[in-house]
Amino acid sequence: PLKDSEIQTALCMLVMHHVSNVSKAFSEIARSLKPNGHLILLDICKHGQLDLQLNLGHKHLGFSKSELVHHATDFQLDLFLTLPKEKEALGPPLFIARFIKR
């Protein structure tokens, strides 16, 4: 495990939708970040594709901006962008978000 306040920036890519306790994951990331540290989060937008949960083990059907803010109590959401989806893409759209540790 990382030490308290050990890192300045954390990058979390396509992980949170696999995590059972999202609030706990945010808290653990906050613990490891220095004051005013950044979390860059890339994940799946809220969707209704139940097959992803059944076939790929997703714990969550993506996240909305408000759900992220609810879970990230140690952070200030600084940026939230929904990324353009390719026409050929079968999965839901992605977002990128930047959080600043309070």
N, C-alpha and C. Protein backbone atom coordinates (compact mmCIF):
# COMPACT_ATOMS: atom_id res chain seq x y z
N PRO A 1 0.83 -1.21 0.00
CA PRO A 1 0.00 0.00 0.00
C PRO A 1 0.86 1.26 0.00
N LEU A 2 0.32 2.30 -0.55
CA LEU A 2 1.00 3.59 -0.53
C LEU A 2 0.91 4.19 0.87
N LYS A 3 1.91 4.99 1.20
CA LYS A 3 1.89 5.71 2.47
C LYS A 3 0.92 6.88 2.39
N ASP A 4 0.54 7.41 3.54
CA ASP A 4 -0.31 8.60 3.59
C ASP A 4 0.41 9.75 2.90
N SER A 5 -0.32 10.50 2.09
CA SER A 5 0.19 11.70 1.42
C SER A 5 1.48 11.44 0.65
N GLU A 6 1.57 10.30 0.00
CA GLU A 6 2.80 9.91 -0.69
C GLU A 6 2.87 10.40 -2.14
N ILE A 7 1.72 10.55 -2.79
CA ILE A 7 1.74 10.88 -4.22
C ILE A 7 1.00 12.18 -4.51
N GLN A 8 1.36 12.81 -5.61
CA GLN A 8 0.73 14.06 -6.02
C GLN A 8 -0.46 13.81 -6.96
N THR A 9 -0.36 12.77 -7.79
CA THR A 9 -1.40 12.49 -8.78
C THR A 9 -1.67 11.00 -8.84
N ALA A 10 -2.94 10.63 -8.94
CA ALA A 10 -3.34 9.24 -9.13
C ALA A 10 -4.13 9.16 -10.44
N LEU A 11 -3.87 8.12 -11.20
CA LEU A 11 -4.58 7.87 -12.45
C LEU A 11 -5.34 6.56 -12.31
N CYS A 12 -6.63 6.61 -12.50
CA CYS A 12 -7.50 5.45 -12.32
C CYS A 12 -8.28 5.26 -13.63
N MET A 13 -7.92 4.21 -14.38
CA MET A 13 -8.51 4.01 -15.70
C MET A 13 -9.33 2.73 -15.77
N LEU A 14 -10.63 2.90 -15.97
CA LEU A 14 -11.57 1.79 -16.16
C LEU A 14 -11.49 0.77 -15.03
N VAL A 15 -11.47 1.29 -13.80
CA VAL A 15 -11.38 0.45 -12.61
C VAL A 15 -12.64 0.56 -11.75
N MET A 16 -13.13 1.77 -11.54
CA MET A 16 -14.20 1.99 -10.55
C MET A 16 -15.45 1.17 -10.81
N HIS A 17 -15.78 0.90 -12.05
CA HIS A 17 -17.01 0.11 -12.30
C HIS A 17 -16.82 -1.36 -11.90
N HIS A 18 -15.60 -1.76 -11.55
CA HIS A 18 -15.33 -3.11 -11.05
C HIS A 18 -15.23 -3.16 -9.52
N VAL A 19 -15.27 -2.03 -8.86
CA VAL A 19 -15.06 -1.93 -7.42
C VAL A 19 -16.40 -2.01 -6.69
N SER A 20 -16.48 -2.87 -5.69
CA SER A 20 -17.73 -3.02 -4.93
C SER A 20 -18.06 -1.76 -4.13
N ASN A 21 -17.08 -1.24 -3.37
CA ASN A 21 -17.31 -0.09 -2.50
C ASN A 21 -16.58 1.12 -3.06
N VAL A 22 -17.28 1.87 -3.89
CA VAL A 22 -16.68 3.01 -4.59
C VAL A 22 -16.27 4.10 -3.61
N SER A 23 -17.08 4.36 -2.60
CA SER A 23 -16.74 5.40 -1.61
C SER A 23 -15.44 5.06 -0.89
N LYS A 24 -15.27 3.80 -0.54
CA LYS A 24 -14.05 3.37 0.13
C LYS A 24 -12.84 3.50 -0.79
N ALA A 25 -13.02 3.21 -2.06
CA ALA A 25 -11.92 3.36 -3.03
C ALA A 25 -11.50 4.82 -3.14
N PHE A 26 -12.46 5.74 -3.21
CA PHE A 26 -12.13 7.16 -3.25
C PHE A 26 -11.39 7.59 -1.98
N SER A 27 -11.84 7.09 -0.83
CA SER A 27 -11.20 7.44 0.44
C SER A 27 -9.75 6.96 0.49
N GLU A 28 -9.50 5.76 -0.02
CA GLU A 28 -8.15 5.21 -0.03
C GLU A 28 -7.25 6.01 -0.98
N ILE A 29 -7.78 6.41 -2.11
CA ILE A 29 -7.01 7.26 -3.02
C ILE A 29 -6.70 8.59 -2.34
N ALA A 30 -7.68 9.18 -1.68
CA ALA A 30 -7.47 10.46 -0.99
C ALA A 30 -6.40 10.33 0.09
N ARG A 31 -6.40 9.22 0.81
CA ARG A 31 -5.41 8.99 1.85
C ARG A 31 -3.99 9.03 1.29
N SER A 32 -3.81 8.47 0.13
CA SER A 32 -2.47 8.38 -0.46
C SER A 32 -2.01 9.67 -1.14
N LEU A 33 -2.96 10.57 -1.43
CA LEU A 33 -2.62 11.82 -2.12
C LEU A 33 -2.15 12.90 -1.15
N LYS A 34 -1.21 13.71 -1.63
CA LYS A 34 -0.79 14.89 -0.88
C LYS A 34 -1.93 15.91 -0.89
N PRO A 35 -1.91 16.89 0.03
CA PRO A 35 -2.93 17.94 0.00
C PRO A 35 -2.97 18.61 -1.37
N ASN A 36 -4.15 18.84 -1.87
CA ASN A 36 -4.39 19.42 -3.19
C ASN A 36 -3.93 18.50 -4.32
N GLY A 37 -3.70 17.22 -4.01
CA GLY A 37 -3.33 16.26 -5.05
C GLY A 37 -4.48 16.02 -6.00
N HIS A 38 -4.17 15.47 -7.17
CA HIS A 38 -5.16 15.26 -8.22
C HIS A 38 -5.43 13.78 -8.44
N LEU A 39 -6.68 13.48 -8.70
CA LEU A 39 -7.11 12.17 -9.16
C LEU A 39 -7.68 12.35 -10.56
N ILE A 40 -7.11 11.64 -11.52
CA ILE A 40 -7.64 11.62 -12.88
C ILE A 40 -8.36 10.28 -13.03
N LEU A 41 -9.64 10.35 -13.35
CA LEU A 41 -10.48 9.16 -13.42
C LEU A 41 -11.08 9.04 -14.82
N LEU A 42 -10.83 7.89 -15.46
CA LEU A 42 -11.44 7.55 -16.74
C LEU A 42 -12.30 6.33 -16.50
N ASP A 43 -13.59 6.44 -16.84
CA ASP A 43 -14.47 5.29 -16.61
C ASP A 43 -15.68 5.39 -17.53
N ILE A 44 -16.65 4.53 -17.28
CA ILE A 44 -17.82 4.38 -18.13
C ILE A 44 -18.96 5.27 -17.63
N CYS A 45 -19.60 5.95 -18.57
CA CYS A 45 -20.78 6.74 -18.24
C CYS A 45 -21.93 5.82 -17.85
N LYS A 46 -22.85 6.35 -17.06
CA LYS A 46 -24.05 5.61 -16.64
C LYS A 46 -24.76 5.06 -17.88
N HIS A 47 -25.17 3.78 -17.80
CA HIS A 47 -25.80 3.12 -18.94
C HIS A 47 -26.74 2.02 -18.45
N GLY A 48 -27.37 1.35 -19.37
CA GLY A 48 -28.30 0.28 -19.00
C GLY A 48 -27.97 -1.06 -19.62
N GLN A 49 -26.72 -1.26 -20.01
CA GLN A 49 -26.31 -2.51 -20.66
C GLN A 49 -26.03 -3.59 -19.60
N LEU A 50 -27.09 -4.26 -19.16
CA LEU A 50 -26.99 -5.28 -18.12
C LEU A 50 -26.06 -6.43 -18.50
N ASP A 51 -25.90 -6.68 -19.79
CA ASP A 51 -25.01 -7.76 -20.22
C ASP A 51 -23.57 -7.54 -19.78
N LEU A 52 -23.16 -6.29 -19.62
CA LEU A 52 -21.80 -6.01 -19.15
C LEU A 52 -21.62 -6.47 -17.71
N GLN A 53 -22.66 -6.34 -16.92
CA GLN A 53 -22.61 -6.81 -15.54
C GLN A 53 -22.60 -8.33 -15.50
N LEU A 54 -23.44 -8.94 -16.29
CA LEU A 54 -23.57 -10.39 -16.29
C LEU A 54 -22.36 -11.09 -16.91
N ASN A 55 -21.87 -10.58 -18.02
CA ASN A 55 -20.81 -11.25 -18.77
C ASN A 55 -19.40 -10.81 -18.41
N LEU A 56 -19.24 -9.58 -17.95
CA LEU A 56 -17.90 -9.04 -17.69
C LEU A 56 -17.63 -8.72 -16.23
N GLY A 57 -18.59 -8.97 -15.38
CA GLY A 57 -18.38 -8.78 -13.95
C GLY A 57 -18.38 -7.34 -13.48
N HIS A 58 -18.98 -6.44 -14.25
CA HIS A 58 -19.06 -5.06 -13.80
C HIS A 58 -19.93 -4.99 -12.54
N LYS A 59 -19.46 -4.28 -11.53
CA LYS A 59 -20.23 -4.10 -10.29
C LYS A 59 -21.23 -2.96 -10.43
N HIS A 60 -20.93 -2.02 -11.34
CA HIS A 60 -21.77 -0.83 -11.53
C HIS A 60 -22.01 -0.63 -13.02
N LEU A 61 -23.16 -0.10 -13.36
CA LEU A 61 -23.48 0.23 -14.74
C LEU A 61 -23.03 1.65 -15.05
N GLY A 62 -21.74 1.90 -14.84
CA GLY A 62 -21.18 3.23 -15.08
C GLY A 62 -21.57 4.20 -13.98
N PHE A 63 -21.21 5.46 -14.23
CA PHE A 63 -21.44 6.51 -13.23
C PHE A 63 -21.90 7.79 -13.87
N SER A 64 -22.79 8.48 -13.18
CA SER A 64 -23.16 9.85 -13.55
C SER A 64 -22.25 10.81 -12.78
N LYS A 65 -22.24 12.03 -13.20
CA LYS A 65 -21.45 13.06 -12.51
C LYS A 65 -21.90 13.17 -11.05
N SER A 66 -23.19 13.16 -10.81
CA SER A 66 -23.70 13.31 -9.44
C SER A 66 -23.34 12.11 -8.57
N GLU A 67 -23.32 10.92 -9.13
CA GLU A 67 -22.91 9.74 -8.36
C GLU A 67 -21.45 9.84 -7.95
N LEU A 68 -20.61 10.31 -8.84
CA LEU A 68 -19.20 10.47 -8.51
C LEU A 68 -19.01 11.46 -7.37
N VAL A 69 -19.70 12.59 -7.45
CA VAL A 69 -19.60 13.61 -6.40
C VAL A 69 -20.07 13.01 -5.06
N HIS A 70 -21.10 12.20 -5.09
CA HIS A 70 -21.61 11.56 -3.87
C HIS A 70 -20.54 10.66 -3.23
N HIS A 71 -19.82 9.92 -4.02
CA HIS A 71 -18.81 8.99 -3.51
C HIS A 71 -17.49 9.67 -3.14
N ALA A 72 -17.17 10.75 -3.80
CA ALA A 72 -15.86 11.39 -3.65
C ALA A 72 -15.90 12.50 -2.61
N THR A 73 -16.22 12.17 -1.39
CA THR A 73 -16.43 13.20 -0.36
C THR A 73 -15.15 13.92 0.06
N ASP A 74 -13.99 13.32 -0.20
CA ASP A 74 -12.72 13.97 0.15
C ASP A 74 -12.18 14.82 -0.98
N PHE A 75 -12.96 14.96 -2.05
CA PHE A 75 -12.50 15.64 -3.25
C PHE A 75 -13.46 16.73 -3.71
N GLN A 76 -12.91 17.64 -4.48
CA GLN A 76 -13.70 18.62 -5.23
C GLN A 76 -13.62 18.21 -6.70
N LEU A 77 -14.75 18.01 -7.35
CA LEU A 77 -14.75 17.70 -8.77
C LEU A 77 -14.40 18.96 -9.54
N ASP A 78 -13.32 18.90 -10.29
CA ASP A 78 -12.80 20.07 -11.00
C ASP A 78 -13.17 20.05 -12.48
N LEU A 79 -13.34 18.85 -13.05
CA LEU A 79 -13.59 18.72 -14.48
C LEU A 79 -14.32 17.41 -14.74
N PHE A 80 -15.33 17.44 -15.60
CA PHE A 80 -16.03 16.23 -16.02
C PHE A 80 -16.37 16.37 -17.49
N LEU A 81 -15.81 15.49 -18.31
CA LEU A 81 -16.06 15.52 -19.75
C LEU A 81 -16.51 14.15 -20.24
N THR A 82 -17.61 14.11 -20.97
CA THR A 82 -18.00 12.88 -21.65
C THR A 82 -17.24 12.84 -22.97
N LEU A 83 -16.55 11.74 -23.21
CA LEU A 83 -15.74 11.61 -24.41
C LEU A 83 -16.61 11.18 -25.59
N PRO A 84 -16.27 11.65 -26.79
CA PRO A 84 -17.05 11.25 -27.97
C PRO A 84 -16.97 9.74 -28.18
N LYS A 85 -18.08 9.14 -28.54
CA LYS A 85 -18.13 7.70 -28.76
C LYS A 85 -17.99 7.40 -30.25
N GLU A 86 -17.12 6.45 -30.56
CA GLU A 86 -16.96 6.01 -31.94
C GLU A 86 -18.22 5.28 -32.39
N LYS A 87 -18.61 5.43 -33.64
CA LYS A 87 -19.82 4.78 -34.16
C LYS A 87 -19.75 3.26 -34.04
N GLU A 88 -18.54 2.71 -34.17
CA GLU A 88 -18.36 1.26 -34.13
C GLU A 88 -18.31 0.70 -32.71
N ALA A 89 -18.19 1.56 -31.72
CA ALA A 89 -18.04 1.10 -30.33
C ALA A 89 -19.31 0.40 -29.86
N LEU A 90 -19.12 -0.75 -29.23
CA LEU A 90 -20.25 -1.53 -28.72
C LEU A 90 -20.62 -1.16 -27.29
N GLY A 91 -19.64 -0.70 -26.53
CA GLY A 91 -19.86 -0.36 -25.13
C GLY A 91 -20.38 1.04 -24.95
N PRO A 92 -20.66 1.40 -23.72
CA PRO A 92 -21.16 2.74 -23.40
C PRO A 92 -20.06 3.78 -23.56
N PRO A 93 -20.44 5.06 -23.62
CA PRO A 93 -19.45 6.13 -23.70
C PRO A 93 -18.60 6.20 -22.43
N LEU A 94 -17.46 6.82 -22.56
CA LEU A 94 -16.53 7.03 -21.44
C LEU A 94 -16.55 8.48 -21.00
N PHE A 95 -16.10 8.72 -19.79
CA PHE A 95 -15.90 10.08 -19.29
C PHE A 95 -14.48 10.16 -18.71
N ILE A 96 -14.01 11.38 -18.61
CA ILE A 96 -12.79 11.66 -17.89
C ILE A 96 -13.12 12.74 -16.86
N ALA A 97 -12.64 12.55 -15.65
CA ALA A 97 -12.92 13.51 -14.58
C ALA A 97 -11.62 13.80 -13.82
N ARG A 98 -11.52 15.04 -13.35
CA ARG A 98 -10.38 15.43 -12.52
C ARG A 98 -10.92 15.89 -11.18
N PHE A 99 -10.37 15.30 -10.12
CA PHE A 99 -10.73 15.63 -8.75
C PHE A 99 -9.51 16.21 -8.05
N ILE A 100 -9.76 17.15 -7.16
CA ILE A 100 -8.69 17.74 -6.33
C ILE A 100 -9.00 17.39 -4.87
N LYS A 101 -7.99 16.83 -4.21
CA LYS A 101 -8.17 16.48 -2.80
C LYS A 101 -8.38 17.74 -1.98
N ARG A 102 -9.38 17.71 -1.11
CA ARG A 102 -9.68 18.86 -0.25
C ARG A 102 -8.69 18.94 0.88
